[in-house]
Amino acid sequence: MIAIQTKYLPATNSKGSRIKAWTPNKQSVTIPYSYDMTDDYLHFEAVKALVKKYKLDWNLEDMRFGGTENGYVFCFAHSIIGK
């Protein structure tokens, strides 16, 4: 299973607010924060940008997510533990 984590990065003196998405194998992407979107949708946009940047062959239509202390974690529905 691959888990994609995302988190909000606050604005600094030189950069605006951003969302960062990354995988355990050190693939990452950072996108600008958009105040026109809800948080969960914006974090998913970061996941989509990561998939596009690394040309990953992942079907995101069946992706699940949940909130954490620092952001969100996204994973795939086929990553379930059997009974």
C-alpha atoms as a PDB file:
ATOM      1  CA  MET A   1       0.000   0.000   0.000  1.00  0.00           C
ATOM      2  CA  ILE A   2       1.149   3.515  -0.710  1.00  0.00           C
ATOM      3  CA  ALA A   3       0.054   6.290   1.625  1.00  0.00           C
ATOM      4  CA  ILE A   4       0.282   9.889   0.542  1.00  0.00           C
ATOM      5  CA  GLN A   5       0.503  12.454   3.307  1.00  0.00           C
ATOM      6  CA  THR A   6      -0.336  16.116   2.966  1.00  0.00           C
ATOM      7  CA  LYS A   7       0.100  19.120   5.204  1.00  0.00           C
ATOM      8  CA  TYR A   8      -0.464  22.851   5.251  1.00  0.00           C
ATOM      9  CA  LEU A   9       2.628  25.069   5.157  1.00  0.00           C
ATOM     10  CA  PRO A  10       2.001  28.593   6.482  1.00  0.00           C
ATOM     11  CA  ALA A  11       3.188  31.688   4.671  1.00  0.00           C
ATOM     12  CA  THR A  12       6.726  32.931   5.238  1.00  0.00           C
ATOM     13  CA  ASN A  13       8.371  36.256   4.442  1.00  0.00           C
ATOM     14  CA  SER A  14       9.177  35.007   0.944  1.00  0.00           C
ATOM     15  CA  LYS A  15       6.478  32.410   0.132  1.00  0.00           C
ATOM     16  CA  GLY A  16       2.718  32.288   0.399  1.00  0.00           C
ATOM     17  CA  SER A  17       0.764  29.511   2.130  1.00  0.00           C
ATOM     18  CA  ARG A  18       1.135  26.114   0.486  1.00  0.00           C
ATOM     19  CA  ILE A  19       0.094  22.463   0.637  1.00  0.00           C
ATOM     20  CA  LYS A  20       2.778  19.769   0.498  1.00  0.00           C
ATOM     21  CA  ALA A  21       2.107  16.151  -0.537  1.00  0.00           C
ATOM     22  CA  TRP A  22       4.653  13.352  -0.191  1.00  0.00           C
ATOM     23  CA  THR A  23       5.088   9.581  -0.293  1.00  0.00           C
ATOM     24  CA  PRO A  24       7.247   7.332   1.904  1.00  0.00           C
ATOM     25  CA  ASN A  25       9.734   6.932  -0.982  1.00  0.00           C
ATOM     26  CA  LYS A  26      10.527  10.677  -0.909  1.00  0.00           C
ATOM     27  CA  GLN A  27       8.429  11.842  -3.850  1.00  0.00           C
ATOM     28  CA  SER A  28       6.966  15.253  -3.041  1.00  0.00           C
ATOM     29  CA  VAL A  29       5.261  18.272  -4.507  1.00  0.00           C
ATOM     30  CA  THR A  30       4.141  21.611  -3.078  1.00  0.00           C
ATOM     31  CA  ILE A  31       1.245  23.650  -4.474  1.00  0.00           C
ATOM     32  CA  PRO A  32       0.039  27.152  -3.627  1.00  0.00           C
ATOM     33  CA  TYR A  33      -2.829  27.426  -1.161  1.00  0.00           C
ATOM     34  CA  SER A  34      -6.115  28.442  -2.786  1.00  0.00           C
ATOM     35  CA  TYR A  35      -8.731  30.134  -0.642  1.00  0.00           C
ATOM     36  CA  ASP A  36     -11.358  29.212  -3.260  1.00  0.00           C
ATOM     37  CA  MET A  37     -11.355  25.514  -2.241  1.00  0.00           C
ATOM     38  CA  THR A  38     -12.229  23.541   0.865  1.00  0.00           C
ATOM     39  CA  ASP A  39      -9.304  22.041   2.782  1.00  0.00           C
ATOM     40  CA  ASP A  40     -10.001  18.416   1.836  1.00  0.00           C
ATOM     41  CA  TYR A  41     -10.338  19.279  -1.865  1.00  0.00           C
ATOM     42  CA  LEU A  42      -7.173  21.407  -1.780  1.00  0.00           C
ATOM     43  CA  HIS A  43      -5.183  18.579  -0.181  1.00  0.00           C
ATOM     44  CA  PHE A  44      -6.503  16.216  -2.871  1.00  0.00           C
ATOM     45  CA  GLU A  45      -5.315  18.700  -5.507  1.00  0.00           C
ATOM     46  CA  ALA A  46      -1.827  18.328  -4.027  1.00  0.00           C
ATOM     47  CA  VAL A  47      -2.134  14.529  -4.366  1.00  0.00           C
ATOM     48  CA  LYS A  48      -3.151  14.933  -8.015  1.00  0.00           C
ATOM     49  CA  ALA A  49      -0.180  17.260  -8.615  1.00  0.00           C
ATOM     50  CA  LEU A  50       2.167  14.646  -7.112  1.00  0.00           C
ATOM     51  CA  VAL A  51       0.756  11.922  -9.378  1.00  0.00           C
ATOM     52  CA  LYS A  52       1.130  14.185 -12.409  1.00  0.00           C
ATOM     53  CA  LYS A  53       4.678  15.321 -11.521  1.00  0.00           C
ATOM     54  CA  TYR A  54       5.988  11.756 -11.202  1.00  0.00           C
ATOM     55  CA  LYS A  55       3.779  10.320 -13.993  1.00  0.00           C
ATOM     56  CA  LEU A  56       2.392   7.706 -11.613  1.00  0.00           C
ATOM     57  CA  ASP A  57      -0.098   5.219 -13.019  1.00  0.00           C
ATOM     58  CA  TRP A  58      -2.540   5.465 -10.115  1.00  0.00           C
ATOM     59  CA  ASN A  59      -6.324   5.531 -10.417  1.00  0.00           C
ATOM     60  CA  LEU A  60      -7.365   8.226  -7.944  1.00  0.00           C
ATOM     61  CA  GLU A  61     -11.114   7.665  -8.384  1.00  0.00           C
ATOM     62  CA  ASP A  62     -11.261   5.098  -5.578  1.00  0.00           C
ATOM     63  CA  MET A  63      -8.975   6.900  -3.146  1.00  0.00           C
ATOM     64  CA  ARG A  64      -9.883   7.301   0.535  1.00  0.00           C
ATOM     65  CA  PHE A  65      -8.596   9.890   2.996  1.00  0.00           C
ATOM     66  CA  GLY A  66      -8.664  10.875   6.621  1.00  0.00           C
ATOM     67  CA  GLY A  67      -7.498  13.775   8.705  1.00  0.00           C
ATOM     68  CA  THR A  68      -4.495  13.777  11.016  1.00  0.00           C
ATOM     69  CA  GLU A  69      -3.040  16.261  13.466  1.00  0.00           C
ATOM     70  CA  ASN A  70      -0.954  17.811  10.696  1.00  0.00           C
ATOM     71  CA  GLY A  71      -3.011  17.324   7.532  1.00  0.00           C
ATOM     72  CA  TYR A  72      -4.422  14.326   5.670  1.00  0.00           C
ATOM     73  CA  VAL A  73      -3.431  10.823   4.628  1.00  0.00           C
ATOM     74  CA  PHE A  74      -4.684   9.430   1.308  1.00  0.00           C
ATOM     75  CA  CYS A  75      -4.698   5.735   0.388  1.00  0.00           C
ATOM     76  CA  PHE A  76      -6.479   3.356  -1.966  1.00  0.00           C
ATOM     77  CA  ALA A  77      -9.596   1.297  -1.279  1.00  0.00           C
ATOM     78  CA  HIS A  78      -7.901  -1.919  -2.427  1.00  0.00           C
ATOM     79  CA  SER A  79      -5.513  -1.602   0.523  1.00  0.00           C
ATOM     80  CA  ILE A  80      -7.753  -3.373   3.029  1.00  0.00           C
ATOM     81  CA  ILE A  81      -7.000  -5.990   5.623  1.00  0.00           C
ATOM     82  CA  GLY A  82      -8.888  -9.263   5.078  1.00  0.00           C
ATOM     83  CA  LYS A  83     -11.156 -10.795   7.679  1.00  0.00           C
END
